[in-house]
Amino acid sequence: MRKNLFDAPAVDEIIARAQRLQATAPARWGTMNATEMLYHCNLANRQILDGDMEHKPSTLKQELLRFLSFYIVPKFPKNRKGAARNDTKGRISPDQFDAQLRLFIRTVSSFAHHKKPFVLTHPAFGNLDTRQWGVAAWMHMDHHLRQFGV
């Protein structure tokens, strides 16, 4: 299984990479700037940690996609559209970079201290257990940090 944001060393790695991110870093793919990316990650992570996702049965398609993403395909695909509520393009000023980076670090740090089990349905992967949520969150953060070369 992959790295997991519920493990302190994985959290430390993500934070160290985020601290190398520059507000002016160009995206290697996609249309978000660095501030929009941090805002996007902060929204997604808060939804996980706050349990702000609907719980419903997984479909076969979601189970297959989860298996492929967690065990076969090494990285999330580039330029894939996410949930509309997490679309941050044009919704935050680039001068909010420092505030969003501080929030990112604080939010990612809280994963390692979270003890409550999750009962949430990921929009693409269906129902995930707590460990799987940690893996999905790590993969998501890794994806976007690689997007900006860190």
N, C-alpha and C. Protein backbone atom coordinates (compact mmCIF):
# COMPACT_ATOMS: atom_id res chain seq x y z
N MET A 1 0.85 -1.19 0.00
CA MET A 1 0.00 0.00 0.00
C MET A 1 0.88 1.24 0.00
N ARG A 2 0.34 2.31 -0.41
CA ARG A 2 1.07 3.56 -0.58
C ARG A 2 1.21 4.36 0.71
N LYS A 3 1.89 5.48 0.61
CA LYS A 3 2.03 6.37 1.76
C LYS A 3 0.66 6.85 2.20
N ASN A 4 0.58 7.27 3.47
CA ASN A 4 -0.71 7.51 4.10
C ASN A 4 -0.58 8.74 5.00
N LEU A 5 -1.48 9.71 4.85
CA LEU A 5 -1.41 10.92 5.65
C LEU A 5 -1.74 10.70 7.12
N PHE A 6 -2.13 9.51 7.50
CA PHE A 6 -2.32 9.23 8.92
C PHE A 6 -1.02 8.77 9.57
N ASP A 7 0.05 8.68 8.78
CA ASP A 7 1.37 8.32 9.29
C ASP A 7 2.22 9.59 9.35
N ALA A 8 2.79 9.88 10.51
CA ALA A 8 3.55 11.11 10.72
C ALA A 8 4.68 11.32 9.70
N PRO A 9 5.46 10.29 9.33
CA PRO A 9 6.52 10.54 8.33
C PRO A 9 5.97 11.00 6.98
N ALA A 10 4.84 10.49 6.57
CA ALA A 10 4.23 10.93 5.31
C ALA A 10 3.76 12.38 5.41
N VAL A 11 3.20 12.74 6.55
CA VAL A 11 2.80 14.13 6.79
C VAL A 11 4.01 15.05 6.72
N ASP A 12 5.08 14.65 7.39
CA ASP A 12 6.30 15.46 7.40
C ASP A 12 6.84 15.67 5.99
N GLU A 13 6.79 14.62 5.18
CA GLU A 13 7.28 14.72 3.80
C GLU A 13 6.45 15.71 3.00
N ILE A 14 5.13 15.61 3.10
CA ILE A 14 4.25 16.52 2.35
C ILE A 14 4.47 17.96 2.80
N ILE A 15 4.59 18.18 4.09
CA ILE A 15 4.80 19.54 4.60
C ILE A 15 6.14 20.09 4.12
N ALA A 16 7.19 19.29 4.16
CA ALA A 16 8.50 19.74 3.70
C ALA A 16 8.44 20.13 2.22
N ARG A 17 7.74 19.36 1.44
CA ARG A 17 7.59 19.69 0.02
C ARG A 17 6.80 20.98 -0.16
N ALA A 18 5.71 21.13 0.59
CA ALA A 18 4.88 22.33 0.49
C ALA A 18 5.67 23.57 0.88
N GLN A 19 6.55 23.45 1.84
CA GLN A 19 7.35 24.60 2.27
C GLN A 19 8.33 25.05 1.20
N ARG A 20 8.61 24.21 0.23
CA ARG A 20 9.47 24.59 -0.90
C ARG A 20 8.68 25.24 -2.04
N LEU A 21 7.36 25.19 -1.96
CA LEU A 21 6.50 25.76 -2.99
C LEU A 21 6.62 27.28 -3.00
N GLN A 22 6.69 27.86 -4.17
CA GLN A 22 6.74 29.31 -4.34
C GLN A 22 5.43 29.80 -4.94
N ALA A 23 5.00 30.97 -4.52
CA ALA A 23 3.74 31.54 -5.01
C ALA A 23 3.76 31.72 -6.53
N THR A 24 4.93 31.97 -7.08
CA THR A 24 5.04 32.23 -8.52
C THR A 24 5.41 30.99 -9.33
N ALA A 25 5.47 29.84 -8.69
CA ALA A 25 5.83 28.61 -9.41
C ALA A 25 4.81 28.34 -10.51
N PRO A 26 5.30 28.08 -11.72
CA PRO A 26 4.37 27.75 -12.80
C PRO A 26 3.88 26.31 -12.68
N ALA A 27 2.65 26.11 -13.06
CA ALA A 27 2.09 24.76 -13.07
C ALA A 27 2.66 23.98 -14.25
N ARG A 28 3.00 22.72 -14.00
CA ARG A 28 3.47 21.85 -15.07
C ARG A 28 2.31 21.32 -15.90
N TRP A 29 1.13 21.33 -15.33
CA TRP A 29 -0.10 20.98 -16.04
C TRP A 29 -1.25 21.67 -15.32
N GLY A 30 -2.39 21.69 -15.98
CA GLY A 30 -3.58 22.29 -15.39
C GLY A 30 -3.58 23.80 -15.47
N THR A 31 -4.63 24.41 -14.91
CA THR A 31 -4.82 25.85 -15.03
C THR A 31 -4.74 26.59 -13.70
N MET A 32 -4.66 25.89 -12.58
CA MET A 32 -4.59 26.56 -11.29
C MET A 32 -3.21 27.18 -11.08
N ASN A 33 -3.20 28.31 -10.35
CA ASN A 33 -1.92 28.82 -9.88
C ASN A 33 -1.64 28.19 -8.52
N ALA A 34 -0.49 28.48 -7.92
CA ALA A 34 -0.10 27.83 -6.67
C ALA A 34 -1.07 28.13 -5.53
N THR A 35 -1.57 29.36 -5.46
CA THR A 35 -2.52 29.72 -4.40
C THR A 35 -3.84 28.96 -4.58
N GLU A 36 -4.33 28.90 -5.80
CA GLU A 36 -5.57 28.16 -6.07
C GLU A 36 -5.40 26.68 -5.75
N MET A 37 -4.22 26.13 -6.04
CA MET A 37 -3.96 24.72 -5.73
C MET A 37 -3.99 24.48 -4.22
N LEU A 38 -3.34 25.35 -3.45
CA LEU A 38 -3.37 25.19 -1.99
C LEU A 38 -4.80 25.31 -1.46
N TYR A 39 -5.54 26.27 -1.97
CA TYR A 39 -6.93 26.46 -1.57
C TYR A 39 -7.74 25.20 -1.89
N HIS A 40 -7.53 24.66 -3.08
CA HIS A 40 -8.21 23.42 -3.51
C HIS A 40 -7.90 22.27 -2.54
N CYS A 41 -6.62 22.09 -2.23
CA CYS A 41 -6.22 21.02 -1.30
C CYS A 41 -6.80 21.26 0.09
N ASN A 42 -6.82 22.50 0.53
CA ASN A 42 -7.38 22.80 1.84
C ASN A 42 -8.87 22.48 1.90
N LEU A 43 -9.60 22.81 0.84
CA LEU A 43 -11.03 22.48 0.80
C LEU A 43 -11.23 20.96 0.87
N ALA A 44 -10.49 20.24 0.04
CA ALA A 44 -10.64 18.78 -0.01
C ALA A 44 -10.27 18.14 1.33
N ASN A 45 -9.18 18.58 1.93
CA ASN A 45 -8.75 17.99 3.20
C ASN A 45 -9.73 18.30 4.32
N ARG A 46 -10.29 19.51 4.33
CA ARG A 46 -11.28 19.84 5.37
C ARG A 46 -12.52 18.97 5.19
N GLN A 47 -12.92 18.70 3.97
CA GLN A 47 -14.09 17.85 3.74
C GLN A 47 -13.86 16.46 4.30
N ILE A 48 -12.65 15.94 4.14
CA ILE A 48 -12.32 14.62 4.68
C ILE A 48 -12.33 14.67 6.20
N LEU A 49 -11.58 15.59 6.76
CA LEU A 49 -11.43 15.64 8.21
C LEU A 49 -12.73 16.00 8.93
N ASP A 50 -13.57 16.82 8.29
CA ASP A 50 -14.84 17.21 8.90
C ASP A 50 -15.97 16.23 8.61
N GLY A 51 -15.70 15.24 7.76
CA GLY A 51 -16.74 14.27 7.40
C GLY A 51 -17.81 14.88 6.52
N ASP A 52 -17.43 15.88 5.73
CA ASP A 52 -18.38 16.62 4.90
C ASP A 52 -18.52 15.99 3.52
N MET A 53 -18.83 14.70 3.51
CA MET A 53 -19.09 13.99 2.26
C MET A 53 -20.22 13.01 2.49
N GLU A 54 -21.03 12.87 1.49
CA GLU A 54 -22.16 11.96 1.57
C GLU A 54 -21.68 10.51 1.69
N HIS A 55 -22.43 9.70 2.42
CA HIS A 55 -22.12 8.27 2.50
C HIS A 55 -23.19 7.52 1.73
N LYS A 56 -22.77 6.78 0.72
CA LYS A 56 -23.69 5.99 -0.09
C LYS A 56 -22.96 4.76 -0.60
N PRO A 57 -23.66 3.76 -1.06
CA PRO A 57 -23.00 2.53 -1.51
C PRO A 57 -22.05 2.78 -2.69
N SER A 58 -20.95 2.06 -2.70
CA SER A 58 -19.99 2.14 -3.81
C SER A 58 -20.54 1.41 -5.02
N THR A 59 -20.21 1.91 -6.18
CA THR A 59 -20.57 1.22 -7.42
C THR A 59 -19.41 0.31 -7.82
N LEU A 60 -19.67 -0.62 -8.70
CA LEU A 60 -18.61 -1.49 -9.22
C LEU A 60 -17.54 -0.67 -9.92
N LYS A 61 -17.94 0.35 -10.66
CA LYS A 61 -16.99 1.22 -11.35
C LYS A 61 -16.06 1.89 -10.33
N GLN A 62 -16.61 2.38 -9.22
CA GLN A 62 -15.79 3.01 -8.19
C GLN A 62 -14.81 2.01 -7.56
N GLU A 63 -15.27 0.80 -7.31
CA GLU A 63 -14.41 -0.22 -6.72
C GLU A 63 -13.26 -0.58 -7.65
N LEU A 64 -13.55 -0.67 -8.95
CA LEU A 64 -12.49 -0.95 -9.93
C LEU A 64 -11.50 0.20 -10.02
N LEU A 65 -12.02 1.43 -10.05
CA LEU A 65 -11.15 2.60 -10.11
C LEU A 65 -10.29 2.69 -8.85
N ARG A 66 -10.85 2.39 -7.69
CA ARG A 66 -10.09 2.39 -6.43
C ARG A 66 -8.95 1.38 -6.51
N PHE A 67 -9.25 0.16 -6.94
CA PHE A 67 -8.22 -0.87 -7.04
C PHE A 67 -7.11 -0.44 -7.99
N LEU A 68 -7.48 0.06 -9.16
CA LEU A 68 -6.47 0.51 -10.13
C LEU A 68 -5.62 1.65 -9.55
N SER A 69 -6.28 2.61 -8.93
CA SER A 69 -5.57 3.79 -8.41
C SER A 69 -4.68 3.47 -7.22
N PHE A 70 -5.12 2.56 -6.37
CA PHE A 70 -4.36 2.27 -5.15
C PHE A 70 -3.27 1.23 -5.37
N TYR A 71 -3.46 0.32 -6.34
CA TYR A 71 -2.54 -0.81 -6.46
C TYR A 71 -1.82 -0.92 -7.80
N ILE A 72 -2.35 -0.30 -8.86
CA ILE A 72 -1.78 -0.50 -10.19
C ILE A 72 -1.14 0.78 -10.74
N VAL A 73 -1.91 1.83 -10.84
CA VAL A 73 -1.45 3.09 -11.43
C VAL A 73 -0.67 3.88 -10.39
N PRO A 74 0.55 4.30 -10.69
CA PRO A 74 1.38 4.93 -9.67
C PRO A 74 0.96 6.35 -9.28
N LYS A 75 0.27 7.06 -10.16
CA LYS A 75 -0.06 8.46 -9.88
C LYS A 75 -1.42 8.81 -10.45
N PHE A 76 -2.04 9.84 -9.87
CA PHE A 76 -3.31 10.34 -10.41
C PHE A 76 -3.06 10.88 -11.82
N PRO A 77 -4.04 10.75 -12.71
CA PRO A 77 -3.87 11.31 -14.05
C PRO A 77 -3.88 12.84 -14.01
N LYS A 78 -3.15 13.44 -14.92
CA LYS A 78 -3.09 14.90 -15.02
C LYS A 78 -4.33 15.44 -15.73
N ASN A 79 -4.71 16.66 -15.39
CA ASN A 79 -5.79 17.39 -16.06
C ASN A 79 -7.16 16.75 -15.91
N ARG A 80 -7.36 15.97 -14.87
CA ARG A 80 -8.67 15.36 -14.62
C ARG A 80 -9.50 16.34 -13.81
N LYS A 81 -10.73 16.53 -14.22
CA LYS A 81 -11.64 17.46 -13.54
C LYS A 81 -12.14 16.83 -12.25
N GLY A 82 -12.11 17.60 -11.17
CA GLY A 82 -12.59 17.13 -9.88
C GLY A 82 -13.99 17.61 -9.59
N ALA A 83 -14.43 17.45 -8.37
CA ALA A 83 -15.76 17.87 -7.95
C ALA A 83 -15.90 19.39 -8.09
N ALA A 84 -17.04 19.84 -8.57
CA ALA A 84 -17.28 21.27 -8.80
C ALA A 84 -17.09 22.10 -7.53
N ARG A 85 -17.46 21.55 -6.39
CA ARG A 85 -17.34 22.34 -5.16
C ARG A 85 -15.89 22.57 -4.75
N ASN A 86 -14.96 21.86 -5.37
CA ASN A 86 -13.54 22.05 -5.09
C ASN A 86 -12.81 22.77 -6.22
N ASP A 87 -13.56 23.30 -7.18
CA ASP A 87 -12.96 24.07 -8.27
C ASP A 87 -12.64 25.46 -7.74
N THR A 88 -11.37 25.79 -7.66
CA THR A 88 -10.95 27.05 -7.06
C THR A 88 -10.44 28.06 -8.07
N LYS A 89 -10.48 27.73 -9.34
CA LYS A 89 -9.95 28.63 -10.38
C LYS A 89 -10.67 29.97 -10.30
N GLY A 90 -9.89 31.04 -10.06
CA GLY A 90 -10.44 32.38 -10.00
C GLY A 90 -11.19 32.73 -8.73
N ARG A 91 -11.15 31.84 -7.73
CA ARG A 91 -11.92 32.07 -6.50
C ARG A 91 -11.08 32.58 -5.35
N ILE A 92 -9.79 32.81 -5.57
CA ILE A 92 -8.92 33.33 -4.51
C ILE A 92 -7.81 34.16 -5.15
N SER A 93 -7.44 35.20 -4.45
CA SER A 93 -6.39 36.09 -4.95
C SER A 93 -5.02 35.47 -4.71
N PRO A 94 -4.10 35.61 -5.68
CA PRO A 94 -2.75 35.07 -5.49
C PRO A 94 -2.04 35.63 -4.25
N ASP A 95 -2.45 36.81 -3.78
CA ASP A 95 -1.80 37.37 -2.59
C ASP A 95 -2.18 36.63 -1.30
N GLN A 96 -3.04 35.64 -1.40
CA GLN A 96 -3.42 34.81 -0.26
C GLN A 96 -2.54 33.57 -0.12
N PHE A 97 -1.46 33.50 -0.90
CA PHE A 97 -0.60 32.33 -0.90
C PHE A 97 -0.10 31.97 0.50
N ASP A 98 0.47 32.93 1.22
CA ASP A 98 1.04 32.63 2.54
C ASP A 98 -0.01 32.11 3.51
N ALA A 99 -1.19 32.71 3.50
CA ALA A 99 -2.26 32.26 4.39
C ALA A 99 -2.71 30.85 4.02
N GLN A 100 -2.81 30.57 2.73
CA GLN A 100 -3.23 29.24 2.29
C GLN A 100 -2.15 28.20 2.60
N LEU A 101 -0.89 28.57 2.49
CA LEU A 101 0.19 27.64 2.82
C LEU A 101 0.17 27.32 4.31
N ARG A 102 -0.02 28.32 5.15
CA ARG A 102 -0.11 28.07 6.60
C ARG A 102 -1.29 27.15 6.91
N LEU A 103 -2.43 27.40 6.27
CA LEU A 103 -3.60 26.55 6.48
C LEU A 103 -3.35 25.14 5.97
N PHE A 104 -2.69 25.01 4.84
CA PHE A 104 -2.34 23.71 4.28
C PHE A 104 -1.50 22.91 5.29
N ILE A 105 -0.48 23.54 5.83
CA ILE A 105 0.41 22.87 6.78
C ILE A 105 -0.37 22.46 8.03
N ARG A 106 -1.19 23.35 8.54
CA ARG A 106 -1.99 23.04 9.74
C ARG A 106 -2.98 21.90 9.47
N THR A 107 -3.63 21.94 8.32
CA THR A 107 -4.63 20.92 7.99
C THR A 107 -3.98 19.57 7.75
N VAL A 108 -2.92 19.54 6.97
CA VAL A 108 -2.22 18.27 6.70
C VAL A 108 -1.67 17.70 8.01
N SER A 109 -1.15 18.55 8.87
CA SER A 109 -0.63 18.10 10.17
C SER A 109 -1.70 17.42 11.01
N SER A 110 -2.92 17.88 10.89
CA SER A 110 -3.99 17.32 11.72
C SER A 110 -4.35 15.89 11.34
N PHE A 111 -4.01 15.45 10.13
CA PHE A 111 -4.28 14.06 9.74
C PHE A 111 -3.60 13.08 10.70
N ALA A 112 -2.34 13.34 11.03
CA ALA A 112 -1.58 12.41 11.87
C ALA A 112 -2.14 12.29 13.28
N HIS A 113 -2.95 13.25 13.69
CA HIS A 113 -3.53 13.24 15.04
C HIS A 113 -5.00 12.85 15.05
N HIS A 114 -5.55 12.61 13.89
CA HIS A 114 -6.98 12.28 13.78
C HIS A 114 -7.19 10.83 14.20
N LYS A 115 -8.07 10.59 15.13
CA LYS A 115 -8.28 9.23 15.65
C LYS A 115 -9.64 8.65 15.30
N LYS A 116 -10.58 9.49 14.90
CA LYS A 116 -11.94 9.03 14.63
C LYS A 116 -12.01 8.30 13.27
N PRO A 117 -12.64 7.12 13.22
CA PRO A 117 -12.76 6.43 11.92
C PRO A 117 -13.66 7.20 10.96
N PHE A 118 -13.39 7.03 9.69
CA PHE A 118 -14.18 7.69 8.65
C PHE A 118 -15.23 6.77 8.08
N VAL A 119 -16.39 7.32 7.79
CA VAL A 119 -17.45 6.63 7.07
C VAL A 119 -17.90 7.62 6.00
N LEU A 120 -17.10 7.71 4.95
CA LEU A 120 -17.34 8.68 3.88
C LEU A 120 -17.22 7.99 2.53
N THR A 121 -17.89 8.56 1.54
CA THR A 121 -17.82 8.03 0.18
C THR A 121 -17.05 9.01 -0.68
N HIS A 122 -15.93 8.56 -1.21
CA HIS A 122 -15.13 9.38 -2.12
C HIS A 122 -15.89 9.45 -3.45
N PRO A 123 -15.91 10.64 -4.10
CA PRO A 123 -16.67 10.76 -5.35
C PRO A 123 -16.20 9.83 -6.46
N ALA A 124 -14.92 9.51 -6.51
CA ALA A 124 -14.41 8.63 -7.57
C ALA A 124 -14.20 7.19 -7.10
N PHE A 125 -13.80 7.01 -5.84
CA PHE A 125 -13.39 5.69 -5.34
C PHE A 125 -14.45 4.98 -4.51
N GLY A 126 -15.56 5.63 -4.22
CA GLY A 126 -16.60 5.00 -3.40
C GLY A 126 -16.22 5.00 -1.93
N ASN A 127 -16.77 4.04 -1.19
CA ASN A 127 -16.52 3.96 0.24
C ASN A 127 -15.08 3.55 0.52
N LEU A 128 -14.44 4.32 1.38
CA LEU A 128 -13.07 4.04 1.77
C LEU A 128 -13.01 3.89 3.28
N ASP A 129 -12.15 2.99 3.74
CA ASP A 129 -11.93 2.93 5.18
C ASP A 129 -10.94 4.04 5.56
N THR A 130 -10.68 4.18 6.83
CA THR A 130 -9.84 5.28 7.31
C THR A 130 -8.45 5.23 6.69
N ARG A 131 -7.84 4.06 6.64
CA ARG A 131 -6.51 3.92 6.05
C ARG A 131 -6.53 4.32 4.57
N GLN A 132 -7.55 3.89 3.85
CA GLN A 132 -7.67 4.24 2.43
C GLN A 132 -7.85 5.74 2.24
N TRP A 133 -8.57 6.39 3.15
CA TRP A 133 -8.71 7.85 3.07
C TRP A 133 -7.34 8.51 3.23
N GLY A 134 -6.52 7.99 4.13
CA GLY A 134 -5.18 8.54 4.31
C GLY A 134 -4.34 8.38 3.06
N VAL A 135 -4.47 7.24 2.39
CA VAL A 135 -3.74 6.99 1.14
C VAL A 135 -4.25 7.94 0.05
N ALA A 136 -5.57 8.04 -0.09
CA ALA A 136 -6.15 8.92 -1.12
C ALA A 136 -5.73 10.37 -0.89
N ALA A 137 -5.74 10.81 0.36
CA ALA A 137 -5.33 12.18 0.67
C ALA A 137 -3.86 12.39 0.33
N TRP A 138 -3.01 11.41 0.68
CA TRP A 138 -1.59 11.54 0.35
C TRP A 138 -1.40 11.61 -1.17
N MET A 139 -2.07 10.75 -1.90
CA MET A 139 -1.95 10.74 -3.36
C MET A 139 -2.40 12.08 -3.95
N HIS A 140 -3.46 12.65 -3.38
CA HIS A 140 -3.97 13.93 -3.87
C HIS A 140 -2.95 15.05 -3.61
N MET A 141 -2.39 15.08 -2.39
CA MET A 141 -1.40 16.11 -2.08
C MET A 141 -0.14 15.93 -2.94
N ASP A 142 0.30 14.70 -3.09
CA ASP A 142 1.47 14.40 -3.93
C ASP A 142 1.22 14.87 -5.36
N HIS A 143 0.06 14.58 -5.88
CA HIS A 143 -0.32 14.96 -7.25
C HIS A 143 -0.17 16.48 -7.45
N HIS A 144 -0.73 17.24 -6.52
CA HIS A 144 -0.71 18.69 -6.70
C HIS A 144 0.65 19.31 -6.39
N LEU A 145 1.40 18.74 -5.49
CA LEU A 145 2.74 19.26 -5.26
C LEU A 145 3.64 18.97 -6.47
N ARG A 146 3.50 17.79 -7.06
CA ARG A 146 4.24 17.49 -8.30
C ARG A 146 3.81 18.44 -9.42
N GLN A 147 2.53 18.83 -9.41
CA GLN A 147 2.02 19.76 -10.41
C GLN A 147 2.85 21.06 -10.43
N PHE A 148 3.38 21.43 -9.26
CA PHE A 148 4.18 22.65 -9.15
C PHE A 148 5.66 22.37 -8.91
N GLY A 149 6.08 21.16 -9.20
CA GLY A 149 7.51 20.84 -9.20
C GLY A 149 8.13 20.64 -7.83
N VAL A 150 7.32 20.37 -6.81
CA VAL A 150 7.88 20.10 -5.49
C VAL A 150 7.44 18.74 -4.96
